[in-house]
Amino acid sequence: MSNDAEKRWSDDGNFRRAVRYGLAVLALAALVCAVAAIWTATGRCRDADALLCDTPSRIAVLFGPALVLMAGGIGAFVETIRVWRREGPWPIWQGAGWFLFLIMLFYLGIGASTVPVD
């Protein structure tokens, strides 16, 4: 096992992989958000005052990207364990997982405050 107190955690290859993974998850979440927004805009309540006029559209816009970000964070934590077992620099992947979870919480917090409650 590696000594966790030592400070040789730099690995450019793992860092680039973690950054690419995080950016790919963010791009996929943005794509899901765009698809959900387009779906709600072309829905059956086009004449309503609010874009999110029914429950399925609210759920899709709020929880679709959040689920993508959560799955991405869990995937980063799984990769953390895999790198740790190979005695590699695992904190890089743990940071990516926490970053994706933090973005998910920000998205849910901002999104929940904008969705009107009936």
C-alpha atoms as a PDB file:
ATOM      1  CA  MET A   1       0.000   0.000   0.000  1.00  0.00           C
ATOM      2  CA  SER A   2       1.065   3.549  -0.558  1.00  0.00           C
ATOM      3  CA  ASN A   3       1.712   5.924   2.284  1.00  0.00           C
ATOM      4  CA  ASP A   4      -1.101   8.474   2.263  1.00  0.00           C
ATOM      5  CA  ALA A   5       1.080  10.998   4.095  1.00  0.00           C
ATOM      6  CA  GLU A   6       3.509  11.315   1.202  1.00  0.00           C
ATOM      7  CA  LYS A   7       2.798  14.181  -1.153  1.00  0.00           C
ATOM      8  CA  ARG A   8       3.565  12.646  -4.538  1.00  0.00           C
ATOM      9  CA  TRP A   9       0.017  12.864  -5.853  1.00  0.00           C
ATOM     10  CA  SER A  10       0.799  14.436  -9.196  1.00  0.00           C
ATOM     11  CA  ASP A  11       0.034  12.376 -12.260  1.00  0.00           C
ATOM     12  CA  ASP A  12      -0.641  14.316 -15.428  1.00  0.00           C
ATOM     13  CA  GLY A  13      -2.280  11.384 -17.216  1.00  0.00           C
ATOM     14  CA  ASN A  14      -4.784  10.719 -14.441  1.00  0.00           C
ATOM     15  CA  PHE A  15      -5.441  14.430 -14.028  1.00  0.00           C
ATOM     16  CA  ARG A  16      -6.216  14.838 -17.740  1.00  0.00           C
ATOM     17  CA  ARG A  17      -8.497  11.793 -17.660  1.00  0.00           C
ATOM     18  CA  ALA A  18     -10.366  13.142 -14.630  1.00  0.00           C
ATOM     19  CA  VAL A  19     -10.784  16.589 -16.203  1.00  0.00           C
ATOM     20  CA  ARG A  20     -12.000  15.102 -19.491  1.00  0.00           C
ATOM     21  CA  TYR A  21     -14.420  12.873 -17.570  1.00  0.00           C
ATOM     22  CA  GLY A  22     -15.786  15.828 -15.583  1.00  0.00           C
ATOM     23  CA  LEU A  23     -16.195  17.969 -18.689  1.00  0.00           C
ATOM     24  CA  ALA A  24     -17.920  15.119 -20.528  1.00  0.00           C
ATOM     25  CA  VAL A  25     -20.386  14.666 -17.665  1.00  0.00           C
ATOM     26  CA  LEU A  26     -21.066  18.421 -17.571  1.00  0.00           C
ATOM     27  CA  ALA A  27     -21.618  18.465 -21.338  1.00  0.00           C
ATOM     28  CA  LEU A  28     -24.004  15.519 -21.123  1.00  0.00           C
ATOM     29  CA  ALA A  29     -25.941  17.205 -18.301  1.00  0.00           C
ATOM     30  CA  ALA A  30     -26.184  20.396 -20.390  1.00  0.00           C
ATOM     31  CA  LEU A  31     -27.423  18.365 -23.346  1.00  0.00           C
ATOM     32  CA  VAL A  32     -30.076  16.673 -21.190  1.00  0.00           C
ATOM     33  CA  CYS A  33     -31.116  20.084 -19.881  1.00  0.00           C
ATOM     34  CA  ALA A  34     -31.402  21.472 -23.422  1.00  0.00           C
ATOM     35  CA  VAL A  35     -33.405  18.482 -24.634  1.00  0.00           C
ATOM     36  CA  ALA A  36     -35.730  18.739 -21.628  1.00  0.00           C
ATOM     37  CA  ALA A  37     -36.195  22.485 -22.180  1.00  0.00           C
ATOM     38  CA  ILE A  38     -36.976  21.960 -25.874  1.00  0.00           C
ATOM     39  CA  TRP A  39     -39.391  19.168 -24.981  1.00  0.00           C
ATOM     40  CA  THR A  40     -41.236  21.389 -22.510  1.00  0.00           C
ATOM     41  CA  ALA A  41     -41.314  24.315 -24.958  1.00  0.00           C
ATOM     42  CA  THR A  42     -42.936  22.204 -27.667  1.00  0.00           C
ATOM     43  CA  GLY A  43     -45.335  20.511 -25.266  1.00  0.00           C
ATOM     44  CA  ARG A  44     -49.062  20.735 -24.973  1.00  0.00           C
ATOM     45  CA  CYS A  45     -49.048  23.882 -22.846  1.00  0.00           C
ATOM     46  CA  ARG A  46     -47.548  26.298 -25.381  1.00  0.00           C
ATOM     47  CA  ASP A  47     -50.148  28.949 -24.639  1.00  0.00           C
ATOM     48  CA  ALA A  48     -49.520  28.960 -20.898  1.00  0.00           C
ATOM     49  CA  ASP A  49     -47.735  31.815 -19.168  1.00  0.00           C
ATOM     50  CA  ALA A  50     -45.045  29.586 -17.657  1.00  0.00           C
ATOM     51  CA  LEU A  51     -42.705  27.289 -19.538  1.00  0.00           C
ATOM     52  CA  LEU A  52     -43.029  24.577 -16.895  1.00  0.00           C
ATOM     53  CA  CYS A  53     -46.798  24.325 -16.740  1.00  0.00           C
ATOM     54  CA  ASP A  54     -47.207  20.627 -15.923  1.00  0.00           C
ATOM     55  CA  THR A  55     -45.593  18.176 -13.531  1.00  0.00           C
ATOM     56  CA  PRO A  56     -43.738  15.996 -16.092  1.00  0.00           C
ATOM     57  CA  SER A  57     -41.973  19.018 -17.571  1.00  0.00           C
ATOM     58  CA  ARG A  58     -40.956  20.237 -14.100  1.00  0.00           C
ATOM     59  CA  ILE A  59     -39.577  16.823 -13.213  1.00  0.00           C
ATOM     60  CA  ALA A  60     -37.707  16.481 -16.505  1.00  0.00           C
ATOM     61  CA  VAL A  61     -36.032  19.883 -16.339  1.00  0.00           C
ATOM     62  CA  LEU A  62     -35.176  19.666 -12.647  1.00  0.00           C
ATOM     63  CA  PHE A  63     -34.162  16.040 -12.189  1.00  0.00           C
ATOM     64  CA  GLY A  64     -32.868  14.999 -15.639  1.00  0.00           C
ATOM     65  CA  PRO A  65     -29.539  16.872 -15.491  1.00  0.00           C
ATOM     66  CA  ALA A  66     -29.267  16.247 -11.746  1.00  0.00           C
ATOM     67  CA  LEU A  67     -29.426  12.489 -12.293  1.00  0.00           C
ATOM     68  CA  VAL A  68     -26.719  12.734 -14.956  1.00  0.00           C
ATOM     69  CA  LEU A  69     -24.496  14.694 -12.569  1.00  0.00           C
ATOM     70  CA  MET A  70     -25.160  12.242  -9.736  1.00  0.00           C
ATOM     71  CA  ALA A  71     -24.324   9.250 -11.936  1.00  0.00           C
ATOM     72  CA  GLY A  72     -21.167  11.035 -13.068  1.00  0.00           C
ATOM     73  CA  GLY A  73     -20.136  11.686  -9.469  1.00  0.00           C
ATOM     74  CA  ILE A  74     -20.720   8.064  -8.530  1.00  0.00           C
ATOM     75  CA  GLY A  75     -18.697   6.987 -11.564  1.00  0.00           C
ATOM     76  CA  ALA A  76     -15.826   9.229 -10.438  1.00  0.00           C
ATOM     77  CA  PHE A  77     -15.927   7.674  -6.965  1.00  0.00           C
ATOM     78  CA  VAL A  78     -15.848   4.188  -8.488  1.00  0.00           C
ATOM     79  CA  GLU A  79     -12.762   5.222 -10.463  1.00  0.00           C
ATOM     80  CA  THR A  80     -11.306   6.592  -7.203  1.00  0.00           C
ATOM     81  CA  ILE A  81     -11.506   3.121  -5.675  1.00  0.00           C
ATOM     82  CA  ARG A  82     -10.041   1.497  -8.776  1.00  0.00           C
ATOM     83  CA  VAL A  83      -7.063   3.891  -8.840  1.00  0.00           C
ATOM     84  CA  TRP A  84      -6.568   3.487  -5.075  1.00  0.00           C
ATOM     85  CA  ARG A  85      -6.384  -0.300  -5.456  1.00  0.00           C
ATOM     86  CA  ARG A  86      -3.685   0.160  -8.116  1.00  0.00           C
ATOM     87  CA  GLU A  87      -1.886   2.432  -5.610  1.00  0.00           C
ATOM     88  CA  GLY A  88      -2.233   5.422  -7.893  1.00  0.00           C
ATOM     89  CA  PRO A  89      -3.056   9.073  -7.160  1.00  0.00           C
ATOM     90  CA  TRP A  90      -6.687   8.605  -6.161  1.00  0.00           C
ATOM     91  CA  PRO A  91      -7.402  12.133  -4.742  1.00  0.00           C
ATOM     92  CA  ILE A  92      -7.639  13.461  -8.311  1.00  0.00           C
ATOM     93  CA  TRP A  93     -10.689  11.293  -8.984  1.00  0.00           C
ATOM     94  CA  GLN A  94     -12.164  11.936  -5.569  1.00  0.00           C
ATOM     95  CA  GLY A  95     -11.988  15.661  -6.292  1.00  0.00           C
ATOM     96  CA  ALA A  96     -13.749  15.126  -9.615  1.00  0.00           C
ATOM     97  CA  GLY A  97     -16.536  13.218  -7.866  1.00  0.00           C
ATOM     98  CA  TRP A  98     -17.037  15.875  -5.204  1.00  0.00           C
ATOM     99  CA  PHE A  99     -16.990  18.609  -7.867  1.00  0.00           C
ATOM    100  CA  LEU A 100     -19.774  16.868  -9.819  1.00  0.00           C
ATOM    101  CA  PHE A 101     -21.824  16.367  -6.644  1.00  0.00           C
ATOM    102  CA  LEU A 102     -21.369  20.045  -5.759  1.00  0.00           C
ATOM    103  CA  ILE A 103     -22.541  21.145  -9.209  1.00  0.00           C
ATOM    104  CA  MET A 104     -25.538  18.796  -8.836  1.00  0.00           C
ATOM    105  CA  LEU A 105     -26.487  20.382  -5.495  1.00  0.00           C
ATOM    106  CA  PHE A 106     -26.141  23.908  -6.933  1.00  0.00           C
ATOM    107  CA  TYR A 107     -28.325  22.934  -9.895  1.00  0.00           C
ATOM    108  CA  LEU A 108     -30.987  21.397  -7.668  1.00  0.00           C
ATOM    109  CA  GLY A 109     -30.911  24.358  -5.293  1.00  0.00           C
ATOM    110  CA  ILE A 110     -31.267  26.947  -8.022  1.00  0.00           C
ATOM    111  CA  GLY A 111     -33.750  24.864 -10.006  1.00  0.00           C
ATOM    112  CA  ALA A 112     -35.952  24.094  -7.016  1.00  0.00           C
ATOM    113  CA  SER A 113     -36.241  27.788  -6.199  1.00  0.00           C
ATOM    114  CA  THR A 114     -37.410  28.650  -9.719  1.00  0.00           C
ATOM    115  CA  VAL A 115     -40.027  25.917 -10.099  1.00  0.00           C
ATOM    116  CA  PRO A 116     -43.373  27.234  -8.842  1.00  0.00           C
ATOM    117  CA  VAL A 117     -45.216  25.122  -6.310  1.00  0.00           C
ATOM    118  CA  ASP A 118     -48.925  24.673  -6.957  1.00  0.00           C
END
